[in-house]
């Protein structure tokens, strides 16, 4: 099983690209649990919700991993939960980063917020490019600091699609050298 993560700020095409990648290469997509949580609760999140959201994301990921697809596509993972918790509440449960680091993710596609418009979907809250750029830089810094394999994806929608499809096609042709935990 190869595990691919799409990460980066909101409104950069993670869900859209996940669907395109699945259509081309197959595999199983794990969506964003926080979207489900907000739809179910019909309210904004608060700090007390962070653990439930993170545990829900992990449960969805674990259920997908248990199916052992050849390709697992994660529309997000705990890094987004960690960063959003810090951005919104200036705090994060201490167990989340070790839980993230305990799992194997083989490739991250880090989506750049520039060159595509912010689209309001009722849940997004960073309409300013400067906010999204800061989130992007935090993602990038974390990935570098923790020596996670990632490739930046940028440009307009067509360019993002082309880059992501080409990158994943090449990556899937390589043998998977990393063992998957959990």
C-alpha atoms as a PDB file:
ATOM      1  CA  UNK A   1       0.000   0.000   0.000  1.00  0.00           C
ATOM      2  CA  UNK A   2       1.267   3.433  -0.954  1.00  0.00           C
ATOM      3  CA  UNK A   3      -0.056   6.351   1.068  1.00  0.00           C
ATOM      4  CA  UNK A   4      -0.442   9.755  -0.568  1.00  0.00           C
ATOM      5  CA  UNK A   5      -1.410  12.883   1.380  1.00  0.00           C
ATOM      6  CA  UNK A   6      -2.701  16.104  -0.115  1.00  0.00           C
ATOM      7  CA  UNK A   7      -1.938  18.955   2.240  1.00  0.00           C
ATOM      8  CA  UNK A   8      -1.829  22.722   2.358  1.00  0.00           C
ATOM      9  CA  UNK A   9      -4.180  25.611   2.968  1.00  0.00           C
ATOM     10  CA  UNK A  10      -7.881  25.656   2.272  1.00  0.00           C
ATOM     11  CA  UNK A  11      -9.223  26.270  -1.222  1.00  0.00           C
ATOM     12  CA  UNK A  12      -6.155  24.942  -3.038  1.00  0.00           C
ATOM     13  CA  UNK A  13      -7.809  21.933  -4.685  1.00  0.00           C
ATOM     14  CA  UNK A  14      -7.042  19.054  -2.323  1.00  0.00           C
ATOM     15  CA  UNK A  15     -10.458  17.378  -2.553  1.00  0.00           C
ATOM     16  CA  UNK A  16     -10.726  18.046  -6.279  1.00  0.00           C
ATOM     17  CA  UNK A  17      -7.267  16.619  -6.954  1.00  0.00           C
ATOM     18  CA  UNK A  18      -7.957  13.623  -4.717  1.00  0.00           C
ATOM     19  CA  UNK A  19     -10.903  12.761  -6.940  1.00  0.00           C
ATOM     20  CA  UNK A  20      -8.869  13.237 -10.114  1.00  0.00           C
ATOM     21  CA  UNK A  21      -6.090  11.042  -8.765  1.00  0.00           C
ATOM     22  CA  UNK A  22      -8.536   8.321  -7.773  1.00  0.00           C
ATOM     23  CA  UNK A  23     -10.221   8.468 -11.196  1.00  0.00           C
ATOM     24  CA  UNK A  24      -6.851   7.993 -12.905  1.00  0.00           C
ATOM     25  CA  UNK A  25      -5.073   5.575 -10.558  1.00  0.00           C
ATOM     26  CA  UNK A  26      -7.788   3.958  -8.456  1.00  0.00           C
ATOM     27  CA  UNK A  27      -7.323   3.604  -4.749  1.00  0.00           C
ATOM     28  CA  UNK A  28      -9.323   4.769  -1.800  1.00  0.00           C
ATOM     29  CA  UNK A  29      -9.884   8.379  -0.689  1.00  0.00           C
ATOM     30  CA  UNK A  30     -10.146   9.430   2.937  1.00  0.00           C
ATOM     31  CA  UNK A  31     -11.916  12.781   3.204  1.00  0.00           C
ATOM     32  CA  UNK A  32     -11.723  15.539   5.781  1.00  0.00           C
ATOM     33  CA  UNK A  33     -13.424  14.459   8.980  1.00  0.00           C
ATOM     34  CA  UNK A  34     -13.778  18.078  10.130  1.00  0.00           C
ATOM     35  CA  UNK A  35     -16.194  18.774   7.248  1.00  0.00           C
ATOM     36  CA  UNK A  36     -18.356  15.860   8.383  1.00  0.00           C
ATOM     37  CA  UNK A  37     -18.135  17.078  11.993  1.00  0.00           C
ATOM     38  CA  UNK A  38     -19.254  20.619  11.106  1.00  0.00           C
ATOM     39  CA  UNK A  39     -22.121  19.324   8.964  1.00  0.00           C
ATOM     40  CA  UNK A  40     -23.265  17.048  11.791  1.00  0.00           C
ATOM     41  CA  UNK A  41     -22.926  19.625  14.568  1.00  0.00           C
ATOM     42  CA  UNK A  42     -24.237  22.573  12.524  1.00  0.00           C
ATOM     43  CA  UNK A  43     -21.927  25.020  14.322  1.00  0.00           C
ATOM     44  CA  UNK A  44     -18.405  26.364  14.278  1.00  0.00           C
ATOM     45  CA  UNK A  45     -15.789  24.295  16.038  1.00  0.00           C
ATOM     46  CA  UNK A  46     -14.250  25.191  19.388  1.00  0.00           C
ATOM     47  CA  UNK A  47     -11.064  24.000  21.066  1.00  0.00           C
ATOM     48  CA  UNK A  48     -12.970  21.316  22.965  1.00  0.00           C
ATOM     49  CA  UNK A  49     -13.813  19.742  19.567  1.00  0.00           C
ATOM     50  CA  UNK A  50     -10.211  19.353  18.397  1.00  0.00           C
ATOM     51  CA  UNK A  51      -9.604  15.954  19.994  1.00  0.00           C
ATOM     52  CA  UNK A  52     -12.855  14.517  18.632  1.00  0.00           C
ATOM     53  CA  UNK A  53     -12.067  15.844  15.163  1.00  0.00           C
ATOM     54  CA  UNK A  54      -8.519  14.471  15.232  1.00  0.00           C
ATOM     55  CA  UNK A  55      -9.657  11.082  16.547  1.00  0.00           C
ATOM     56  CA  UNK A  56     -12.371  10.997  13.879  1.00  0.00           C
ATOM     57  CA  UNK A  57      -9.795  11.714  11.171  1.00  0.00           C
ATOM     58  CA  UNK A  58      -7.571   8.934  12.493  1.00  0.00           C
ATOM     59  CA  UNK A  59     -10.513   6.512  12.678  1.00  0.00           C
ATOM     60  CA  UNK A  60     -11.407   7.202   9.043  1.00  0.00           C
ATOM     61  CA  UNK A  61      -7.768   6.733   8.035  1.00  0.00           C
ATOM     62  CA  UNK A  62      -7.469   3.505  10.058  1.00  0.00           C
ATOM     63  CA  UNK A  63     -10.636   2.085   8.495  1.00  0.00           C
ATOM     64  CA  UNK A  64      -9.250   2.804   5.040  1.00  0.00           C
ATOM     65  CA  UNK A  65      -5.829   1.352   5.885  1.00  0.00           C
ATOM     66  CA  UNK A  66      -7.533  -1.820   7.127  1.00  0.00           C
ATOM     67  CA  UNK A  67      -8.922  -2.344   3.597  1.00  0.00           C
ATOM     68  CA  UNK A  68      -5.312  -2.405   2.316  1.00  0.00           C
ATOM     69  CA  UNK A  69      -5.872  -0.619  -0.998  1.00  0.00           C
ATOM     70  CA  UNK A  70      -2.879  -0.415  -3.313  1.00  0.00           C
ATOM     71  CA  UNK A  71      -3.212   3.373  -3.151  1.00  0.00           C
ATOM     72  CA  UNK A  72      -4.558   5.297  -0.180  1.00  0.00           C
ATOM     73  CA  UNK A  73      -5.280   8.967  -0.932  1.00  0.00           C
ATOM     74  CA  UNK A  74      -5.680  11.208   2.089  1.00  0.00           C
ATOM     75  CA  UNK A  75      -7.451  14.491   1.394  1.00  0.00           C
ATOM     76  CA  UNK A  76      -5.837  15.660   4.645  1.00  0.00           C
ATOM     77  CA  UNK A  77      -4.220  14.254   7.765  1.00  0.00           C
ATOM     78  CA  UNK A  78      -3.430  15.321  11.317  1.00  0.00           C
ATOM     79  CA  UNK A  79      -1.021  18.042  10.181  1.00  0.00           C
ATOM     80  CA  UNK A  80      -3.976  20.169   9.088  1.00  0.00           C
ATOM     81  CA  UNK A  81      -5.747  19.475  12.386  1.00  0.00           C
ATOM     82  CA  UNK A  82      -2.630  20.500  14.314  1.00  0.00           C
ATOM     83  CA  UNK A  83      -2.087  23.696  12.348  1.00  0.00           C
ATOM     84  CA  UNK A  84      -5.758  24.718  12.421  1.00  0.00           C
ATOM     85  CA  UNK A  85      -5.850  24.144  16.170  1.00  0.00           C
ATOM     86  CA  UNK A  86      -2.854  26.438  16.560  1.00  0.00           C
ATOM     87  CA  UNK A  87      -4.231  29.069  14.158  1.00  0.00           C
ATOM     88  CA  UNK A  88      -7.725  29.168  15.628  1.00  0.00           C
ATOM     89  CA  UNK A  89      -7.078  28.466  19.312  1.00  0.00           C
ATOM     90  CA  UNK A  90      -3.342  29.031  19.824  1.00  0.00           C
ATOM     91  CA  UNK A  91      -3.146  25.541  21.357  1.00  0.00           C
ATOM     92  CA  UNK A  92      -3.077  21.910  20.312  1.00  0.00           C
ATOM     93  CA  UNK A  93      -3.478  18.655  22.255  1.00  0.00           C
ATOM     94  CA  UNK A  94       0.012  17.304  22.950  1.00  0.00           C
ATOM     95  CA  UNK A  95      -0.711  13.769  21.687  1.00  0.00           C
ATOM     96  CA  UNK A  96      -1.490  14.840  18.104  1.00  0.00           C
ATOM     97  CA  UNK A  97       1.983  15.427  16.705  1.00  0.00           C
ATOM     98  CA  UNK A  98       3.438  12.156  18.095  1.00  0.00           C
ATOM     99  CA  UNK A  99       0.391  10.337  16.686  1.00  0.00           C
ATOM    100  CA  UNK A 100       1.046  11.883  13.276  1.00  0.00           C
ATOM    101  CA  UNK A 101       4.747  11.049  13.368  1.00  0.00           C
ATOM    102  CA  UNK A 102       4.014   7.426  14.330  1.00  0.00           C
ATOM    103  CA  UNK A 103       2.372   6.811  10.949  1.00  0.00           C
ATOM    104  CA  UNK A 104       3.986   6.320   7.562  1.00  0.00           C
ATOM    105  CA  UNK A 105       3.011   8.608   4.730  1.00  0.00           C
ATOM    106  CA  UNK A 106       4.948   7.974   1.562  1.00  0.00           C
ATOM    107  CA  UNK A 107       4.363  11.188  -0.372  1.00  0.00           C
ATOM    108  CA  UNK A 108       2.776  14.551   0.384  1.00  0.00           C
ATOM    109  CA  UNK A 109       1.537  16.881  -2.328  1.00  0.00           C
ATOM    110  CA  UNK A 110       1.783  20.367  -0.815  1.00  0.00           C
ATOM    111  CA  UNK A 111      -0.636  22.694  -2.568  1.00  0.00           C
ATOM    112  CA  UNK A 112       0.344  26.344  -2.993  1.00  0.00           C
ATOM    113  CA  UNK A 113      -2.445  28.902  -2.411  1.00  0.00           C
ATOM    114  CA  UNK A 114      -1.241  31.278  -5.120  1.00  0.00           C
ATOM    115  CA  UNK A 115      -2.659  31.331  -8.650  1.00  0.00           C
ATOM    116  CA  UNK A 116      -6.098  29.982  -7.714  1.00  0.00           C
ATOM    117  CA  UNK A 117      -9.029  31.900  -6.240  1.00  0.00           C
ATOM    118  CA  UNK A 118     -10.322  31.388  -2.735  1.00  0.00           C
ATOM    119  CA  UNK A 119     -13.799  29.863  -2.943  1.00  0.00           C
ATOM    120  CA  UNK A 120     -16.235  30.314  -0.073  1.00  0.00           C
ATOM    121  CA  UNK A 121     -18.007  27.083   0.766  1.00  0.00           C
ATOM    122  CA  UNK A 122     -19.500  28.073   4.113  1.00  0.00           C
ATOM    123  CA  UNK A 123     -16.760  26.357   6.133  1.00  0.00           C
ATOM    124  CA  UNK A 124     -13.620  28.130   4.965  1.00  0.00           C
ATOM    125  CA  UNK A 125     -12.293  31.072   6.945  1.00  0.00           C
ATOM    126  CA  UNK A 126      -9.096  32.355   5.308  1.00  0.00           C
ATOM    127  CA  UNK A 127     -10.149  34.526   2.369  1.00  0.00           C
ATOM    128  CA  UNK A 128      -6.916  36.538   2.428  1.00  0.00           C
ATOM    129  CA  UNK A 129      -4.006  35.110   0.446  1.00  0.00           C
ATOM    130  CA  UNK A 130      -1.579  36.210   3.188  1.00  0.00           C
ATOM    131  CA  UNK A 131      -3.379  33.937   5.675  1.00  0.00           C
ATOM    132  CA  UNK A 132      -3.302  30.979   3.310  1.00  0.00           C
ATOM    133  CA  UNK A 133       0.339  31.651   2.409  1.00  0.00           C
ATOM    134  CA  UNK A 134       1.259  31.592   6.105  1.00  0.00           C
ATOM    135  CA  UNK A 135      -0.560  28.255   6.501  1.00  0.00           C
ATOM    136  CA  UNK A 136       1.299  26.908   3.457  1.00  0.00           C
ATOM    137  CA  UNK A 137       4.624  27.964   4.940  1.00  0.00           C
ATOM    138  CA  UNK A 138       3.760  26.301   8.244  1.00  0.00           C
ATOM    139  CA  UNK A 139       2.932  23.063   6.387  1.00  0.00           C
ATOM    140  CA  UNK A 140       6.155  23.260   4.412  1.00  0.00           C
ATOM    141  CA  UNK A 141       8.256  23.966   7.515  1.00  0.00           C
ATOM    142  CA  UNK A 142       6.721  21.008   9.350  1.00  0.00           C
ATOM    143  CA  UNK A 143       7.299  18.661   6.411  1.00  0.00           C
ATOM    144  CA  UNK A 144      10.928  19.750   6.119  1.00  0.00           C
ATOM    145  CA  UNK A 145      11.567  19.646   9.883  1.00  0.00           C
ATOM    146  CA  UNK A 146      10.218  16.088  10.075  1.00  0.00           C
ATOM    147  CA  UNK A 147      11.900  14.933   6.856  1.00  0.00           C
ATOM    148  CA  UNK A 148       8.649  14.049   5.133  1.00  0.00           C
ATOM    149  CA  UNK A 149       8.790  13.436   1.373  1.00  0.00           C
ATOM    150  CA  UNK A 150       6.792  16.147  -0.387  1.00  0.00           C
ATOM    151  CA  UNK A 151       6.373  17.813  -3.744  1.00  0.00           C
ATOM    152  CA  UNK A 152       4.953  21.285  -4.230  1.00  0.00           C
ATOM    153  CA  UNK A 153       1.981  21.683  -6.549  1.00  0.00           C
ATOM    154  CA  UNK A 154       1.178  25.135  -7.925  1.00  0.00           C
ATOM    155  CA  UNK A 155      -0.247  27.074 -10.845  1.00  0.00           C
ATOM    156  CA  UNK A 156      -3.795  27.390 -12.080  1.00  0.00           C
ATOM    157  CA  UNK A 157      -6.279  24.517 -11.860  1.00  0.00           C
ATOM    158  CA  UNK A 158      -5.146  22.875 -15.105  1.00  0.00           C
ATOM    159  CA  UNK A 159      -1.480  23.128 -14.146  1.00  0.00           C
ATOM    160  CA  UNK A 160      -2.173  21.640 -10.704  1.00  0.00           C
ATOM    161  CA  UNK A 161      -3.987  18.728 -12.250  1.00  0.00           C
ATOM    162  CA  UNK A 162      -1.217  18.111 -14.768  1.00  0.00           C
ATOM    163  CA  UNK A 163       1.527  18.334 -12.109  1.00  0.00           C
ATOM    164  CA  UNK A 164      -0.265  16.088  -9.616  1.00  0.00           C
ATOM    165  CA  UNK A 165      -1.163  13.432 -12.183  1.00  0.00           C
ATOM    166  CA  UNK A 166       2.377  13.347 -13.617  1.00  0.00           C
ATOM    167  CA  UNK A 167       3.987  13.270 -10.184  1.00  0.00           C
ATOM    168  CA  UNK A 168       1.780  10.468  -8.866  1.00  0.00           C
ATOM    169  CA  UNK A 169       2.147   8.450 -12.054  1.00  0.00           C
ATOM    170  CA  UNK A 170       5.933   8.559 -11.715  1.00  0.00           C
ATOM    171  CA  UNK A 171       5.776   7.854  -7.962  1.00  0.00           C
ATOM    172  CA  UNK A 172       3.470   4.849  -8.418  1.00  0.00           C
ATOM    173  CA  UNK A 173       5.906   3.349 -10.929  1.00  0.00           C
ATOM    174  CA  UNK A 174       8.585   3.247  -8.207  1.00  0.00           C
ATOM    175  CA  UNK A 175       8.772   0.346  -5.765  1.00  0.00           C
ATOM    176  CA  UNK A 176       7.418   1.154  -2.324  1.00  0.00           C
ATOM    177  CA  UNK A 177      10.401   0.965   0.027  1.00  0.00           C
ATOM    178  CA  UNK A 178       8.637   2.127   3.189  1.00  0.00           C
ATOM    179  CA  UNK A 179       6.736  -0.201   5.448  1.00  0.00           C
ATOM    180  CA  UNK A 180       3.273   0.994   6.367  1.00  0.00           C
ATOM    181  CA  UNK A 181       2.528   1.047  10.076  1.00  0.00           C
ATOM    182  CA  UNK A 182      -0.848   0.620  11.698  1.00  0.00           C
END
